[in-house]
Protein backbone atom coordinates (compact mmCIF):
# COMPACT_ATOMS: atom_id res chain seq x y z
CA MET A 1 80.64 76.53 143.56
CA ASP A 2 77.26 74.88 141.56
CA GLU A 3 77.60 71.72 140.90
CA ALA A 4 78.85 72.01 137.05
CA SER A 5 81.82 74.13 138.11
CA GLU A 6 82.21 70.38 140.43
CA ALA A 7 82.47 68.58 138.66
CA ASN A 8 84.40 70.74 135.85
CA ASP A 9 86.97 71.07 138.69
CA THR A 10 89.91 68.96 138.72
CA SER A 11 92.24 71.12 141.38
CA ASP A 12 92.24 74.39 142.56
CA THR A 13 91.60 76.29 139.46
CA GLY A 14 87.80 76.38 139.44
CA ALA A 15 85.53 76.25 136.76
CA VAL A 16 88.43 76.28 134.02
CA ASP A 17 88.90 72.38 133.27
CA ASP A 18 92.54 72.11 133.76
CA ARG A 19 92.60 68.40 131.74
CA THR A 20 91.72 70.40 128.20
CA GLY A 21 94.67 72.25 126.79
CA GLY A 22 94.55 75.75 126.38
CA ALA A 23 94.66 75.86 122.34
CA ASP A 24 91.53 72.94 122.82
CA ARG A 25 89.53 74.85 124.00
CA ALA A 26 90.12 77.88 122.80
CA GLU A 27 89.04 75.63 119.18
CA ALA A 28 85.93 74.58 121.75
CA VAL A 29 85.57 78.75 121.55
CA ARG A 30 81.94 79.26 119.13
CA GLN A 31 80.17 81.11 120.90
CA VAL A 32 81.64 85.23 122.08
CA SER A 33 79.60 87.77 124.50
CA VAL A 34 80.84 91.68 124.31
CA ILE A 35 79.63 93.31 127.09
CA GLY A 36 79.84 97.16 126.16
CA ALA A 37 79.32 98.24 122.36
CA GLY A 38 81.78 101.40 122.29
CA THR A 39 84.57 102.32 120.73
CA MET A 40 86.51 99.46 122.49
CA GLY A 41 83.26 97.37 122.18
CA TYR A 42 82.87 96.97 118.55
CA GLY A 43 86.30 96.36 117.31
CA ILE A 44 86.65 93.60 119.73
CA ALA A 45 83.47 92.26 118.59
CA LEU A 46 84.64 92.84 114.77
CA THR A 47 87.72 90.93 115.06
CA TYR A 48 85.90 87.69 116.51
CA ALA A 49 83.23 87.73 114.08
CA MET A 50 86.28 87.33 111.49
CA GLY A 51 87.29 84.68 113.51
CA GLY A 52 85.17 82.94 112.78
CA ARG A 53 83.11 83.44 115.90
CA GLU A 54 79.57 84.33 116.90
CA VAL A 55 79.56 86.91 118.29
CA ALA A 56 76.63 88.91 120.91
CA LEU A 57 77.67 92.52 121.23
CA TYR A 58 75.65 94.05 124.39
CA ASP A 59 75.42 96.96 125.35
CA VAL A 60 72.32 99.26 127.79
CA ALA A 61 71.75 101.55 124.97
CA SER A 62 70.50 100.72 121.27
CA GLU A 63 71.79 103.68 120.16
CA ALA A 64 74.60 102.76 120.67
CA LEU A 65 74.69 99.59 119.51
CA ALA A 66 73.20 101.40 116.04
CA ARG A 67 76.22 102.94 116.15
CA ALA A 68 78.92 99.89 116.71
CA GLN A 69 77.11 98.41 113.79
CA ARG A 70 77.38 101.25 111.57
CA ASN A 71 81.27 100.98 112.77
CA VAL A 72 81.39 97.72 111.87
CA ARG A 73 80.09 97.93 108.73
CA SER A 74 82.25 100.86 108.37
CA GLY A 75 85.64 98.72 109.55
CA LEU A 76 84.77 96.01 107.49
CA ASP A 77 84.37 98.19 104.31
CA THR A 78 87.73 99.74 105.26
CA LEU A 79 89.33 96.49 105.60
CA ALA A 80 87.89 94.69 102.21
CA ASN A 81 88.81 98.20 99.95
CA ALA A 82 92.61 97.42 102.28
CA GLY A 83 92.22 93.41 100.76
CA ARG A 84 92.91 92.54 104.08
CA ILE A 85 89.52 90.45 103.30
CA PRO A 86 87.22 89.77 100.45
CA GLU A 87 84.39 92.28 99.63
CA SER A 88 82.27 88.76 99.47
CA GLU A 89 83.05 88.13 102.83
CA THR A 90 81.93 91.24 104.45
CA GLY A 91 78.32 90.78 104.96
CA VAL A 92 78.58 87.11 106.18
CA ILE A 93 81.30 88.48 109.15
CA ALA A 94 78.46 91.24 110.22
CA ASP A 95 76.06 88.68 109.90
CA ARG A 96 78.02 86.51 112.56
CA ILE A 97 77.24 89.95 115.44
CA ALA A 98 73.89 90.42 117.04
CA TYR A 99 73.15 93.13 119.06
CA GLU A 100 71.19 92.08 122.20
CA THR A 101 69.83 94.31 124.84
CA ASP A 102 69.15 91.75 127.61
CA LEU A 103 72.41 90.62 129.03
CA GLU A 104 71.12 87.75 130.47
CA ALA A 105 69.91 86.67 126.20
CA ALA A 106 73.90 87.86 125.22
CA LEU A 107 75.31 85.52 127.43
CA GLN A 108 73.54 82.60 127.08
CA GLY A 109 75.76 79.71 125.70
CA SER A 110 78.81 81.99 125.55
CA ASP A 111 81.54 80.75 125.50
CA PHE A 112 84.51 83.83 126.72
CA VAL A 113 83.08 86.78 127.89
CA THR A 114 84.77 90.04 127.32
CA GLU A 115 83.57 92.92 129.68
CA ALA A 116 84.20 96.30 127.83
CA VAL A 117 82.42 98.57 129.40
CA PRO A 118 84.20 102.29 130.46
CA GLU A 119 86.97 102.68 132.49
CA ASP A 120 85.10 102.94 135.91
CA ALA A 121 86.41 100.05 138.29
CA GLU A 122 83.08 100.25 140.66
CA LEU A 123 81.09 99.88 137.20
CA LYS A 124 83.41 97.22 136.02
CA ARG A 125 82.91 95.47 139.16
CA GLU A 126 79.35 95.97 139.11
CA THR A 127 79.37 94.06 135.49
CA PHE A 128 80.88 91.17 136.64
CA GLU A 129 78.15 90.94 139.31
CA HIS A 130 75.63 90.53 136.54
CA ILE A 131 77.81 88.97 133.93
CA ASP A 132 78.82 86.00 136.78
CA GLU A 133 75.30 85.82 137.42
CA TYR A 134 73.91 84.64 133.74
CA ALA A 135 77.41 83.39 131.50
CA PRO A 136 77.88 80.14 131.72
CA SER A 137 79.93 78.77 134.90
CA ASP A 138 82.55 77.17 132.17
CA ALA A 139 82.94 80.59 130.31
CA VAL A 140 85.93 82.65 130.42
CA LEU A 141 85.22 85.70 131.80
CA ALA A 142 87.56 88.65 130.61
CA THR A 143 87.78 92.69 131.62
CA ASN A 144 89.72 95.04 128.45
CA THR A 145 90.86 97.77 131.28
CA SER A 146 93.99 100.01 130.04
CA GLY A 147 95.72 98.96 133.74
CA LEU A 148 92.61 98.71 136.32
CA SER A 149 93.47 95.82 138.71
CA ILE A 150 92.32 92.42 137.54
CA THR A 151 92.36 91.12 140.66
CA ALA A 152 90.00 93.70 142.45
CA ILE A 153 87.40 92.79 139.36
CA GLY A 154 87.81 89.52 139.58
CA GLU A 155 86.97 89.55 143.49
CA ALA A 156 83.21 90.08 142.18
CA VAL A 157 82.82 87.09 140.50
CA THR A 158 82.28 83.66 142.41
CA ASP A 159 84.75 81.88 140.65
CA PRO A 160 87.98 84.45 140.59
CA ALA A 161 90.00 81.31 138.39
CA ARG A 162 88.21 82.34 135.14
CA VAL A 163 88.18 85.94 135.04
CA LEU A 164 92.00 87.73 133.64
CA GLY A 165 92.28 90.61 131.84
CA THR A 166 92.04 91.52 127.38
CA HIS A 167 93.86 95.02 127.06
CA TRP A 168 93.18 95.69 123.45
CA PHE A 169 94.32 98.82 122.19
CA ASN A 170 92.13 101.60 119.11
CA PRO A 171 91.47 100.18 116.87
CA ALA A 172 90.94 97.03 118.58
CA HIS A 173 90.16 95.43 115.28
CA VAL A 174 93.71 96.53 113.38
CA VAL A 175 96.30 97.21 116.38
CA PRO A 176 97.97 93.08 116.61
CA GLY A 177 98.72 92.80 120.23
CA VAL A 178 96.27 92.39 122.89
CA GLU A 179 97.77 92.31 126.52
CA VAL A 180 97.15 89.25 128.40
CA ILE A 181 97.10 89.82 132.33
CA ARG A 182 96.79 87.55 134.90
CA GLY A 183 95.23 88.60 138.20
CA GLU A 184 96.53 87.02 141.50
CA GLU A 185 93.52 84.61 141.13
CA THR A 186 93.77 83.37 137.54
CA ALA A 187 94.10 79.84 136.39
CA ASP A 188 96.74 78.65 134.25
CA ALA A 189 94.11 77.50 131.54
CA THR A 190 92.27 80.75 131.67
CA ILE A 191 95.99 82.46 130.70
CA GLU A 192 96.28 79.52 127.67
CA THR A 193 92.71 79.42 126.84
CA ALA A 194 92.98 83.73 126.20
CA THR A 195 96.06 83.38 124.60
CA ALA A 196 95.11 80.60 121.95
CA LEU A 197 92.12 81.93 121.25
CA LEU A 198 93.81 85.25 120.39
CA GLU A 199 96.24 83.48 118.16
CA SER A 200 93.22 81.97 116.41
CA VAL A 201 92.42 85.28 115.46
CA GLY A 202 94.96 86.84 114.41
CA LYS A 203 96.62 88.98 117.58
CA THR A 204 99.51 88.91 118.87
CA PRO A 205 99.13 88.04 122.47
CA ILE A 206 101.43 89.49 125.65
CA VAL A 207 101.45 87.62 128.96
CA VAL A 208 101.46 89.75 131.39
CA GLU A 209 102.65 87.98 134.93
CA ARG A 210 101.65 90.75 137.28
CA ASP A 211 99.02 92.43 137.62
CA VAL A 212 100.39 96.13 138.01
CA PRO A 213 98.51 99.43 137.06
CA GLY A 214 98.78 100.38 133.42
CA PHE A 215 100.27 97.62 132.69
CA ILE A 216 103.28 97.42 130.05
CA GLY A 217 101.91 99.42 126.81
CA ASN A 218 100.39 101.79 129.24
CA ARG A 219 103.12 102.53 131.49
CA ILE A 220 105.32 102.74 128.49
CA GLN A 221 103.29 104.94 126.89
CA LEU A 222 102.10 107.44 129.49
CA ALA A 223 105.81 107.87 130.32
CA MET A 224 106.16 109.27 127.06
CA ALA A 225 103.08 111.53 126.55
CA HIS A 226 103.44 113.49 130.09
CA GLU A 227 107.53 114.04 128.74
CA ALA A 228 106.23 115.71 125.59
CA PHE A 229 103.54 117.82 127.44
CA SER A 230 106.23 119.01 129.63
CA LEU A 231 108.66 119.86 126.59
CA LEU A 232 105.43 121.78 124.67
CA ASP A 233 104.91 123.37 128.82
CA ARG A 234 108.87 124.29 128.22
CA GLY A 235 108.53 126.35 125.02
CA VAL A 236 111.06 123.27 123.29
CA ALA A 237 108.27 122.88 120.36
CA ASP A 238 105.10 122.88 119.35
CA ALA A 239 102.23 120.08 119.15
CA ALA A 240 103.65 118.90 115.65
CA THR A 241 106.45 119.30 116.28
CA ILE A 242 107.14 116.86 118.51
CA ASP A 243 104.58 114.22 116.68
CA ARG A 244 107.33 114.35 113.81
CA ALA A 245 110.09 114.03 115.74
CA VAL A 246 108.47 110.79 117.13
CA GLU A 247 107.05 109.72 113.59
CA SER A 248 110.42 110.26 111.91
CA THR A 249 113.18 108.93 114.19
CA PHE A 250 112.44 106.28 117.28
CA GLY A 251 109.30 105.44 116.60
CA PHE A 252 109.53 104.97 113.14
CA ARG A 253 112.16 102.26 113.73
CA LEU A 254 110.03 100.58 116.73
CA PRO A 255 108.02 97.99 114.47
CA ALA A 256 111.43 96.43 113.20
CA SER A 257 113.55 96.21 117.16
CA GLY A 258 111.50 97.15 120.72
CA ILE A 259 113.26 98.56 123.28
CA PHE A 260 115.70 96.47 124.60
CA GLU A 261 116.80 95.23 120.57
CA LYS A 262 116.95 98.80 119.88
CA VAL A 263 119.22 99.12 123.41
CA ASP A 264 121.44 95.55 122.79
CA GLN A 265 121.92 97.40 118.92
CA SER A 266 122.85 101.11 120.45
CA GLY A 267 125.47 98.67 123.11
CA LEU A 268 124.29 98.89 126.91
CA ASP A 269 126.92 101.06 127.83
CA VAL A 270 125.83 103.55 125.63
CA GLN A 271 122.34 103.59 126.94
CA GLN A 272 124.26 103.72 130.73
CA ALA A 273 125.91 107.12 129.55
CA VAL A 274 122.99 108.72 127.78
CA THR A 275 120.47 107.61 131.35
CA GLU A 276 123.41 109.13 133.58
CA TYR A 277 123.51 112.33 131.81
CA LEU A 278 119.71 112.93 130.61
CA LEU A 279 118.08 111.55 133.14
CA PRO A 280 118.47 114.20 136.14
CA ASP A 281 116.87 116.74 133.26
CA LEU A 282 114.26 114.09 132.96
CA ASP A 283 110.03 115.57 133.75
CA ARG A 284 109.45 114.53 137.40
CA CYS A 285 106.42 116.21 138.40
CA THR A 286 103.01 114.05 139.34
CA GLU A 287 100.65 115.74 138.07
CA PRO A 288 98.78 116.58 134.68
CA HIS A 289 100.73 119.66 132.81
CA ASP A 290 98.80 122.63 131.81
CA ALA A 291 98.92 121.96 128.06
CA LEU A 292 96.72 119.11 128.74
CA VAL A 293 94.91 120.48 131.74
CA ASP A 294 94.06 124.12 129.98
CA ARG A 295 92.93 122.02 127.07
CA ILE A 296 90.14 119.82 128.87
CA GLU A 297 89.47 122.85 131.25
CA ALA A 298 88.23 124.83 127.57
CA GLY A 299 86.23 121.90 126.79
CA GLU A 300 88.64 120.74 123.99
CA LEU A 301 88.69 117.24 124.25
CA GLY A 302 90.15 116.21 121.06
CA VAL A 303 88.69 114.88 117.74
CA LYS A 304 85.44 114.60 119.48
CA THR A 305 84.77 118.51 120.22
CA GLY A 306 86.46 118.84 117.20
CA ARG A 307 89.19 121.30 118.86
CA GLY A 308 92.52 119.78 120.80
CA MET A 309 95.81 119.46 120.50
CA TYR A 310 94.71 120.01 117.00
CA ASP A 311 92.35 121.42 115.46
CA TRP A 312 89.75 119.01 113.50
CA GLY A 313 87.63 121.43 112.06
CA ASP A 314 84.37 119.81 111.30
CA ARG A 315 85.40 116.24 109.82
CA SER A 316 83.73 113.84 110.97
CA LEU A 317 84.40 111.22 113.36
CA GLU A 318 84.04 108.53 110.36
CA SER A 319 86.83 109.88 108.34
CA ILE A 320 89.03 109.95 110.64
CA ASN A 321 88.95 107.18 111.94
CA GLU A 322 89.10 105.65 108.24
CA GLU A 323 91.94 107.25 107.50
CA ARG A 324 94.16 106.43 110.61
CA ASP A 325 93.02 102.79 110.07
CA ARG A 326 94.11 102.81 106.52
CA GLU A 327 97.29 103.42 107.31
CA LEU A 328 97.80 101.95 110.03
CA LEU A 329 96.65 98.94 107.95
CA ALA A 330 99.65 99.86 105.63
CA LEU A 331 102.33 99.12 108.70
CA LEU A 332 100.22 96.16 110.11
CA GLU A 333 101.27 94.15 106.57
CA ALA A 334 105.15 95.35 106.95
CA TYR A 335 104.61 94.25 110.82
CA GLU A 336 103.34 90.91 109.61
CA SER A 337 106.18 90.54 107.11
CA ASP A 338 108.75 91.35 109.91
CA THR A 339 107.14 88.45 112.56
CA SER A 340 106.43 85.72 110.18
CA GLY A 341 109.90 85.93 108.95
């Protein structure tokens, strides 16, 4: 541990100073670095810029940065059109983001670093080794991962106490929830800082106390998708019908009452009865279903190839994302109204 880290250390929590509360540290976070300018990176950068932070967005590829800059502008326009931000503020917010191809420059003076490179464990560990080399010794280091081990990623740095997971959901600048995941070595102050910082930029932090694969959201989401593909394979219904069943029934209800609140409203005895007769018939295979594998082998990967579960025709990714974001922003209004009460 270097001298700067030792000067801040009061117990066994490493570079994160427990003498300062998480909320106070969040207030002190003025410079944020986002490493990786892909689908998630630009949305995370945009969120922090809207929250008044100066942001350095890094990518090794200048083309990725150019695309991210276009996405930021498009995202701001959609937010302004939806009345989420004043149109006069879009330029101010955009100017808070600096685009960097030099990692050392992107990390200089950073208070909070979010890694958002592709979902590859070795790549993330390698990226964290470089972050550890260039980032200030007291900066909090977060990995945006859908389910990889926070503990394993944290082993790549000198002080794993300052490493945690922040799992954002796409689109990052619209979806309110962000999972905050504790690794085995993560300090309490690191969790407190990230939680307070996310709250300060309008997000709903969801603290995950155990570092399990997939965390909370993706484990539940994958279980649902796995059964949906099984229903498709078995010919129970087509993809559009299954989607309509989700959107118009329990999916419609979920924002108002989550899983356990709904169970309480229905009755735990009813939940037990349904579980006993339905659970034996649910899909238990441990491999991806043919409906998924066959499409991948045919090169049908979804929106990015023009066809997946649906035929997207010649619509641009930008237009599809804009339509999705408009619909989600309408739902966000309802979510915020519900949670503010």
